[in-house]
Amino acid sequence: NLPDKIVVMGKMSDEDTTWVAEDLPDWQHAIYLVDAPANTTEPHTPLNKGREAMAYLTYIIDHYGSFPSVVAFIHSHRDKFWHSDGMPGRGNWLALRVLNTDYIQDAGYASLRCALGPGCPAEVQPFREAGPLNVAYERNMSSVWEAFWPGEECPKIIAAPCCAQFAVSGAQIMKREREEYVRYRDWLVETSIGDSNSGRIFEYLWHVIFGQDPVFCPDYQTCWHDVY
């Protein structure tokens, strides 16, 4: 039987992801080429845009209705720990080895990064006139919010630990219809907002997409205890 958990990531053609099968043998894996040639038979995204978001959304759309109990969305690097500080100095491979999958199923969503900065307590403030973080992803957030959730008021503050690595229960993903995820990806394909900023917009919306409050900043020690 296949393991009841999967790791999902995007990768460039020149990136080595053999570590996933070697270091995480008890995880399924879905690895998407984001810069695939037209004739590839490997899983791939329709476009290289939005950083990791295109791969994450493509997996959800392609596999909707058949998710395992736990889905971990991570970057393709093995050893960098900045984006998932569950095991400082040890990287993604160990963070997933010690991930508390029971907690993920109960909570529905968890960031793999427990350190609050950058991202918390108030990274994105869509309506401020100016400020050190008044950049393209912040200026465009309110219009994106309206596009994703018409009629819902955009919050004044949106915050979560940075870096777009997280784990979600399959049940939590299913709380939104497949058509919603298709709409998010269509927006990403069509938007004039560039690769980095469109990806950053999703970085600060994943927790909302998966059922959390706009400000999602769990206490560091609590996160560490619960998630790992």
C-alpha atoms as a PDB file:
ATOM      1  CA  ASN A   1       0.000   0.000   0.000  1.00  0.00           C
ATOM      2  CA  LEU A   2       1.099   3.569  -0.675  1.00  0.00           C
ATOM      3  CA  PRO A   3       1.971   5.730   2.344  1.00  0.00           C
ATOM      4  CA  ASP A   4      -0.898   7.950   3.487  1.00  0.00           C
ATOM      5  CA  LYS A   5       1.150  11.124   3.083  1.00  0.00           C
ATOM      6  CA  ILE A   6       2.775  12.913   0.161  1.00  0.00           C
ATOM      7  CA  VAL A   7       5.391  15.599  -0.372  1.00  0.00           C
ATOM      8  CA  VAL A   8       4.706  18.063  -3.212  1.00  0.00           C
ATOM      9  CA  MET A   9       7.247  20.397  -4.789  1.00  0.00           C
ATOM     10  CA  GLY A  10       8.240  22.208  -7.938  1.00  0.00           C
ATOM     11  CA  LYS A  11      11.740  21.974  -9.370  1.00  0.00           C
ATOM     12  CA  MET A  12      13.867  23.387 -12.158  1.00  0.00           C
ATOM     13  CA  SER A  13      15.301  20.935 -14.691  1.00  0.00           C
ATOM     14  CA  ASP A  14      18.796  21.299 -13.263  1.00  0.00           C
ATOM     15  CA  GLU A  15      17.797  20.681  -9.643  1.00  0.00           C
ATOM     16  CA  ASP A  16      18.545  17.326  -8.022  1.00  0.00           C
ATOM     17  CA  THR A  17      15.584  15.972  -6.050  1.00  0.00           C
ATOM     18  CA  THR A  18      16.764  12.369  -5.711  1.00  0.00           C
ATOM     19  CA  TRP A  19      17.067  13.087  -1.964  1.00  0.00           C
ATOM     20  CA  VAL A  20      13.282  12.898  -1.640  1.00  0.00           C
ATOM     21  CA  ALA A  21      13.032   9.170  -2.375  1.00  0.00           C
ATOM     22  CA  GLU A  22      16.274   8.458  -0.507  1.00  0.00           C
ATOM     23  CA  ASP A  23      15.568  10.441   2.668  1.00  0.00           C
ATOM     24  CA  LEU A  24      11.776  10.187   2.798  1.00  0.00           C
ATOM     25  CA  PRO A  25      11.034   6.591   1.792  1.00  0.00           C
ATOM     26  CA  ASP A  26       7.797   6.540   3.789  1.00  0.00           C
ATOM     27  CA  TRP A  27       6.358   9.484   1.841  1.00  0.00           C
ATOM     28  CA  GLN A  28       4.803   9.501  -1.594  1.00  0.00           C
ATOM     29  CA  HIS A  29       6.128  12.330  -3.731  1.00  0.00           C
ATOM     30  CA  ALA A  30       4.809  14.547  -6.508  1.00  0.00           C
ATOM     31  CA  ILE A  31       7.584  16.586  -8.113  1.00  0.00           C
ATOM     32  CA  TYR A  32       6.629  19.024 -10.854  1.00  0.00           C
ATOM     33  CA  LEU A  33       9.032  20.418 -13.431  1.00  0.00           C
ATOM     34  CA  VAL A  34       8.330  24.121 -13.711  1.00  0.00           C
ATOM     35  CA  ASP A  35      10.544  24.728 -16.775  1.00  0.00           C
ATOM     36  CA  ALA A  36       9.681  21.572 -18.669  1.00  0.00           C
ATOM     37  CA  PRO A  37      10.233  21.218 -22.413  1.00  0.00           C
ATOM     38  CA  ALA A  38       7.059  20.794 -24.421  1.00  0.00           C
ATOM     39  CA  ASN A  39       7.637  17.079 -25.036  1.00  0.00           C
ATOM     40  CA  THR A  40       8.291  16.015 -21.444  1.00  0.00           C
ATOM     41  CA  THR A  41       6.474  13.052 -19.963  1.00  0.00           C
ATOM     42  CA  GLU A  42       7.308  14.075 -16.393  1.00  0.00           C
ATOM     43  CA  PRO A  43       4.717  15.857 -14.248  1.00  0.00           C
ATOM     44  CA  HIS A  44       4.994  19.544 -15.046  1.00  0.00           C
ATOM     45  CA  THR A  45       3.282  22.884 -14.611  1.00  0.00           C
ATOM     46  CA  PRO A  46       1.587  24.727 -17.466  1.00  0.00           C
ATOM     47  CA  LEU A  47       3.875  27.721 -16.945  1.00  0.00           C
ATOM     48  CA  ASN A  48       6.922  28.745 -14.905  1.00  0.00           C
ATOM     49  CA  LYS A  49       5.373  31.570 -12.905  1.00  0.00           C
ATOM     50  CA  GLY A  50       4.520  32.368  -9.303  1.00  0.00           C
ATOM     51  CA  ARG A  51       7.483  30.490  -7.863  1.00  0.00           C
ATOM     52  CA  GLU A  52       6.241  27.410  -5.948  1.00  0.00           C
ATOM     53  CA  ALA A  53       2.553  28.366  -6.250  1.00  0.00           C
ATOM     54  CA  MET A  54       2.107  26.992  -9.761  1.00  0.00           C
ATOM     55  CA  ALA A  55       3.354  23.546  -8.744  1.00  0.00           C
ATOM     56  CA  TYR A  56       1.281  23.465  -5.564  1.00  0.00           C
ATOM     57  CA  LEU A  57      -1.925  24.430  -7.379  1.00  0.00           C
ATOM     58  CA  THR A  58      -1.253  22.052 -10.263  1.00  0.00           C
ATOM     59  CA  TYR A  59      -0.919  19.145  -7.850  1.00  0.00           C
ATOM     60  CA  ILE A  60      -4.195  20.038  -6.127  1.00  0.00           C
ATOM     61  CA  ILE A  61      -6.065  20.410  -9.418  1.00  0.00           C
ATOM     62  CA  ASP A  62      -4.609  17.208 -10.914  1.00  0.00           C
ATOM     63  CA  HIS A  63      -5.280  15.067  -7.840  1.00  0.00           C
ATOM     64  CA  TYR A  64      -8.439  16.603  -6.437  1.00  0.00           C
ATOM     65  CA  GLY A  65     -10.507  13.975  -4.684  1.00  0.00           C
ATOM     66  CA  SER A  66      -7.643  11.523  -4.142  1.00  0.00           C
ATOM     67  CA  PHE A  67      -5.448  13.224  -1.565  1.00  0.00           C
ATOM     68  CA  PRO A  68      -3.750  11.207   1.161  1.00  0.00           C
ATOM     69  CA  SER A  69      -4.341  12.197   4.779  1.00  0.00           C
ATOM     70  CA  VAL A  70      -1.377  14.606   4.878  1.00  0.00           C
ATOM     71  CA  VAL A  71       0.083  16.725   2.076  1.00  0.00           C
ATOM     72  CA  ALA A  72       3.363  18.586   2.670  1.00  0.00           C
ATOM     73  CA  PHE A  73       4.127  21.405   0.242  1.00  0.00           C
ATOM     74  CA  ILE A  74       7.834  22.212   0.276  1.00  0.00           C
ATOM     75  CA  HIS A  75      10.700  23.592  -1.797  1.00  0.00           C
ATOM     76  CA  SER A  76      13.085  21.330  -3.648  1.00  0.00           C
ATOM     77  CA  HIS A  77      16.144  21.913  -1.465  1.00  0.00           C
ATOM     78  CA  ARG A  78      17.184  19.204   0.976  1.00  0.00           C
ATOM     79  CA  ASP A  79      19.392  21.003   3.451  1.00  0.00           C
ATOM     80  CA  LYS A  80      18.439  24.659   3.698  1.00  0.00           C
ATOM     81  CA  PHE A  81      16.591  25.156   6.950  1.00  0.00           C
ATOM     82  CA  TRP A  82      15.633  28.843   6.715  1.00  0.00           C
ATOM     83  CA  HIS A  83      12.230  28.020   5.246  1.00  0.00           C
ATOM     84  CA  SER A  84      11.381  25.232   7.699  1.00  0.00           C
ATOM     85  CA  ASP A  85      13.072  25.760  11.014  1.00  0.00           C
ATOM     86  CA  GLY A  86      11.711  22.652  12.686  1.00  0.00           C
ATOM     87  CA  MET A  87      15.227  21.276  12.779  1.00  0.00           C
ATOM     88  CA  PRO A  88      17.698  24.188  12.501  1.00  0.00           C
ATOM     89  CA  GLY A  89      20.693  23.165  10.451  1.00  0.00           C
ATOM     90  CA  ARG A  90      19.080  19.915   9.330  1.00  0.00           C
ATOM     91  CA  GLY A  91      16.773  20.976   6.529  1.00  0.00           C
ATOM     92  CA  ASN A  92      13.568  19.775   4.914  1.00  0.00           C
ATOM     93  CA  TRP A  93      14.409  16.087   5.012  1.00  0.00           C
ATOM     94  CA  LEU A  94      14.530  15.938   8.795  1.00  0.00           C
ATOM     95  CA  ALA A  95      11.622  18.345   9.296  1.00  0.00           C
ATOM     96  CA  LEU A  96       9.391  15.919   7.399  1.00  0.00           C
ATOM     97  CA  ARG A  97      10.798  12.878   9.146  1.00  0.00           C
ATOM     98  CA  VAL A  98       9.740  14.264  12.518  1.00  0.00           C
ATOM     99  CA  LEU A  99       6.541  16.002  11.373  1.00  0.00           C
ATOM    100  CA  ASN A 100       3.602  15.264  13.658  1.00  0.00           C
ATOM    101  CA  THR A 101       1.146  14.054  11.037  1.00  0.00           C
ATOM    102  CA  ASP A 102      -1.562  13.416  13.627  1.00  0.00           C
ATOM    103  CA  TYR A 103      -1.473  17.097  14.496  1.00  0.00           C
ATOM    104  CA  ILE A 104      -1.746  18.067  10.826  1.00  0.00           C
ATOM    105  CA  GLN A 105      -4.854  15.934  10.453  1.00  0.00           C
ATOM    106  CA  ASP A 106      -6.414  17.455  13.570  1.00  0.00           C
ATOM    107  CA  ALA A 107      -5.498  21.096  12.872  1.00  0.00           C
ATOM    108  CA  GLY A 108      -5.906  20.972   9.087  1.00  0.00           C
ATOM    109  CA  TYR A 109      -2.934  23.255   8.422  1.00  0.00           C
ATOM    110  CA  ALA A 110       0.484  24.078   9.849  1.00  0.00           C
ATOM    111  CA  SER A 111       3.430  26.159   8.718  1.00  0.00           C
ATOM    112  CA  LEU A 112       6.671  24.203   8.651  1.00  0.00           C
ATOM    113  CA  ARG A 113       8.404  27.374   9.826  1.00  0.00           C
ATOM    114  CA  CYS A 114       7.783  28.181  13.485  1.00  0.00           C
ATOM    115  CA  ALA A 115       9.962  31.297  13.650  1.00  0.00           C
ATOM    116  CA  LEU A 116       7.581  34.220  13.277  1.00  0.00           C
ATOM    117  CA  GLY A 117       9.801  36.558  11.311  1.00  0.00           C
ATOM    118  CA  PRO A 118       9.720  37.447   8.560  1.00  0.00           C
ATOM    119  CA  GLY A 119       5.980  37.351   8.045  1.00  0.00           C
ATOM    120  CA  CYS A 120       4.584  38.051  11.504  1.00  0.00           C
ATOM    121  CA  PRO A 121       3.098  39.955  13.166  1.00  0.00           C
ATOM    122  CA  ALA A 122       1.891  42.245  10.347  1.00  0.00           C
ATOM    123  CA  GLU A 123       3.769  41.621   7.090  1.00  0.00           C
ATOM    124  CA  VAL A 124       1.082  42.606   4.588  1.00  0.00           C
ATOM    125  CA  GLN A 125      -0.982  45.760   5.147  1.00  0.00           C
ATOM    126  CA  PRO A 126      -2.883  46.290   1.898  1.00  0.00           C
ATOM    127  CA  PHE A 127      -4.318  49.692   2.787  1.00  0.00           C
ATOM    128  CA  ARG A 128      -1.359  51.584   4.228  1.00  0.00           C
ATOM    129  CA  GLU A 129      -0.324  54.609   2.212  1.00  0.00           C
ATOM    130  CA  ALA A 130       3.384  53.897   2.304  1.00  0.00           C
ATOM    131  CA  GLY A 131       5.934  52.058   4.320  1.00  0.00           C
ATOM    132  CA  PRO A 132       9.021  49.865   4.154  1.00  0.00           C
ATOM    133  CA  LEU A 133       6.975  46.883   2.994  1.00  0.00           C
ATOM    134  CA  ASN A 134       4.665  48.762   0.632  1.00  0.00           C
ATOM    135  CA  VAL A 135       5.766  46.684  -2.331  1.00  0.00           C
ATOM    136  CA  ALA A 136       3.965  45.209  -5.311  1.00  0.00           C
ATOM    137  CA  TYR A 137       2.558  42.153  -3.555  1.00  0.00           C
ATOM    138  CA  GLU A 138       1.149  44.355  -0.799  1.00  0.00           C
ATOM    139  CA  ARG A 139      -0.277  46.996  -3.146  1.00  0.00           C
ATOM    140  CA  ASN A 140      -2.042  44.312  -5.185  1.00  0.00           C
ATOM    141  CA  MET A 141      -3.325  42.219  -2.300  1.00  0.00           C
ATOM    142  CA  SER A 142      -6.766  43.824  -1.962  1.00  0.00           C
ATOM    143  CA  SER A 143      -7.585  43.363  -5.661  1.00  0.00           C
ATOM    144  CA  VAL A 144      -6.374  39.750  -5.519  1.00  0.00           C
ATOM    145  CA  TRP A 145      -8.491  39.139  -2.430  1.00  0.00           C
ATOM    146  CA  GLU A 146     -11.543  40.444  -4.293  1.00  0.00           C
ATOM    147  CA  ALA A 147     -10.733  38.260  -7.294  1.00  0.00           C
ATOM    148  CA  PHE A 148     -10.365  35.150  -5.138  1.00  0.00           C
ATOM    149  CA  TRP A 149     -13.253  35.797  -2.738  1.00  0.00           C
ATOM    150  CA  PRO A 150     -15.708  38.259  -4.293  1.00  0.00           C
ATOM    151  CA  GLY A 151     -17.709  40.192  -1.753  1.00  0.00           C
ATOM    152  CA  GLU A 152     -15.421  39.350   1.173  1.00  0.00           C
ATOM    153  CA  GLU A 153     -13.723  42.361   2.719  1.00  0.00           C
ATOM    154  CA  CYS A 154      -9.944  42.303   2.491  1.00  0.00           C
ATOM    155  CA  PRO A 155      -8.346  42.433   5.954  1.00  0.00           C
ATOM    156  CA  LYS A 156      -6.197  45.374   6.982  1.00  0.00           C
ATOM    157  CA  ILE A 157      -3.443  42.983   8.063  1.00  0.00           C
ATOM    158  CA  ILE A 158      -2.469  39.605   6.613  1.00  0.00           C
ATOM    159  CA  ALA A 159       0.384  37.745   8.257  1.00  0.00           C
ATOM    160  CA  ALA A 160       1.941  34.298   8.570  1.00  0.00           C
ATOM    161  CA  PRO A 161       5.455  32.894   8.920  1.00  0.00           C
ATOM    162  CA  CYS A 162       7.244  33.307   5.614  1.00  0.00           C
ATOM    163  CA  CYS A 163       8.403  31.042   2.920  1.00  0.00           C
ATOM    164  CA  ALA A 164       5.494  28.925   1.646  1.00  0.00           C
ATOM    165  CA  GLN A 165       6.343  25.578   3.187  1.00  0.00           C
ATOM    166  CA  PHE A 166       3.462  23.972   5.032  1.00  0.00           C
ATOM    167  CA  ALA A 167       1.507  20.785   5.615  1.00  0.00           C
ATOM    168  CA  VAL A 168      -2.226  20.371   5.127  1.00  0.00           C
ATOM    169  CA  SER A 169      -4.674  17.554   5.681  1.00  0.00           C
ATOM    170  CA  GLY A 170      -6.312  16.110   2.605  1.00  0.00           C
ATOM    171  CA  ALA A 171      -9.676  16.849   4.237  1.00  0.00           C
ATOM    172  CA  GLN A 172      -8.764  20.532   4.590  1.00  0.00           C
ATOM    173  CA  ILE A 173      -7.883  20.828   0.904  1.00  0.00           C
ATOM    174  CA  MET A 174     -11.269  19.342   0.062  1.00  0.00           C
ATOM    175  CA  LYS A 175     -13.096  22.085   1.969  1.00  0.00           C
ATOM    176  CA  ARG A 176     -12.785  24.202  -1.161  1.00  0.00           C
ATOM    177  CA  GLU A 177     -14.142  23.057  -4.512  1.00  0.00           C
ATOM    178  CA  ARG A 178     -11.735  22.111  -7.280  1.00  0.00           C
ATOM    179  CA  GLU A 179     -13.086  25.031  -9.302  1.00  0.00           C
ATOM    180  CA  GLU A 180     -11.706  27.441  -6.706  1.00  0.00           C
ATOM    181  CA  TYR A 181      -8.186  26.130  -7.124  1.00  0.00           C
ATOM    182  CA  VAL A 182      -8.604  26.319 -10.890  1.00  0.00           C
ATOM    183  CA  ARG A 183      -9.624  29.955 -10.487  1.00  0.00           C
ATOM    184  CA  TYR A 184      -6.530  30.697  -8.386  1.00  0.00           C
ATOM    185  CA  ARG A 185      -4.273  29.110 -11.011  1.00  0.00           C
ATOM    186  CA  ASP A 186      -6.028  30.873 -13.873  1.00  0.00           C
ATOM    187  CA  TRP A 187      -5.399  34.150 -12.078  1.00  0.00           C
ATOM    188  CA  LEU A 188      -1.729  33.245 -11.706  1.00  0.00           C
ATOM    189  CA  VAL A 189      -1.392  32.371 -15.393  1.00  0.00           C
ATOM    190  CA  GLU A 190      -3.137  35.526 -16.551  1.00  0.00           C
ATOM    191  CA  THR A 191      -1.932  38.179 -14.105  1.00  0.00           C
ATOM    192  CA  SER A 192       0.503  40.871 -15.231  1.00  0.00           C
ATOM    193  CA  ILE A 193       2.127  40.705 -11.781  1.00  0.00           C
ATOM    194  CA  GLY A 194       5.539  39.115 -12.203  1.00  0.00           C
ATOM    195  CA  ASP A 195       6.893  35.779 -11.010  1.00  0.00           C
ATOM    196  CA  SER A 196       8.290  36.891  -7.669  1.00  0.00           C
ATOM    197  CA  ASN A 197       5.436  39.120  -6.525  1.00  0.00           C
ATOM    198  CA  SER A 198       2.668  36.784  -7.685  1.00  0.00           C
ATOM    199  CA  GLY A 199       4.372  33.991  -5.764  1.00  0.00           C
ATOM    200  CA  ARG A 200       4.695  36.243  -2.738  1.00  0.00           C
ATOM    201  CA  ILE A 201       0.966  36.985  -2.840  1.00  0.00           C
ATOM    202  CA  PHE A 202       0.241  33.266  -2.546  1.00  0.00           C
ATOM    203  CA  GLU A 203       2.898  32.953   0.171  1.00  0.00           C
ATOM    204  CA  TYR A 204       0.724  35.146   2.382  1.00  0.00           C
ATOM    205  CA  LEU A 205      -2.584  33.594   1.344  1.00  0.00           C
ATOM    206  CA  TRP A 206      -1.980  29.851   1.690  1.00  0.00           C
ATOM    207  CA  HIS A 207      -3.016  29.853   5.326  1.00  0.00           C
ATOM    208  CA  VAL A 208      -6.236  31.668   4.408  1.00  0.00           C
ATOM    209  CA  ILE A 209      -6.918  29.296   1.524  1.00  0.00           C
ATOM    210  CA  PHE A 210      -6.584  26.433   3.994  1.00  0.00           C
ATOM    211  CA  GLY A 211      -8.964  27.731   6.602  1.00  0.00           C
ATOM    212  CA  GLN A 212      -6.899  29.895   8.950  1.00  0.00           C
ATOM    213  CA  ASP A 213      -7.507  33.462  10.089  1.00  0.00           C
ATOM    214  CA  PRO A 214      -5.813  36.245   8.076  1.00  0.00           C
ATOM    215  CA  VAL A 215      -3.285  36.721  10.885  1.00  0.00           C
ATOM    216  CA  PHE A 216      -1.776  33.291  11.544  1.00  0.00           C
ATOM    217  CA  CYS A 217       1.136  33.717  13.944  1.00  0.00           C
ATOM    218  CA  PRO A 218       1.277  30.821  16.412  1.00  0.00           C
ATOM    219  CA  ASP A 219       3.610  31.110  19.386  1.00  0.00           C
ATOM    220  CA  TYR A 220       7.034  29.691  18.506  1.00  0.00           C
ATOM    221  CA  GLN A 221       7.217  27.153  21.321  1.00  0.00           C
ATOM    222  CA  THR A 222       3.636  26.032  20.796  1.00  0.00           C
ATOM    223  CA  CYS A 223       4.260  25.545  17.082  1.00  0.00           C
ATOM    224  CA  TRP A 224       7.440  23.599  17.732  1.00  0.00           C
ATOM    225  CA  HIS A 225       5.651  21.355  20.228  1.00  0.00           C
ATOM    226  CA  ASP A 226       2.595  20.764  18.044  1.00  0.00           C
ATOM    227  CA  VAL A 227       4.095  20.469  14.579  1.00  0.00           C
ATOM    228  CA  TYR A 228       7.196  18.439  15.432  1.00  0.00           C
END
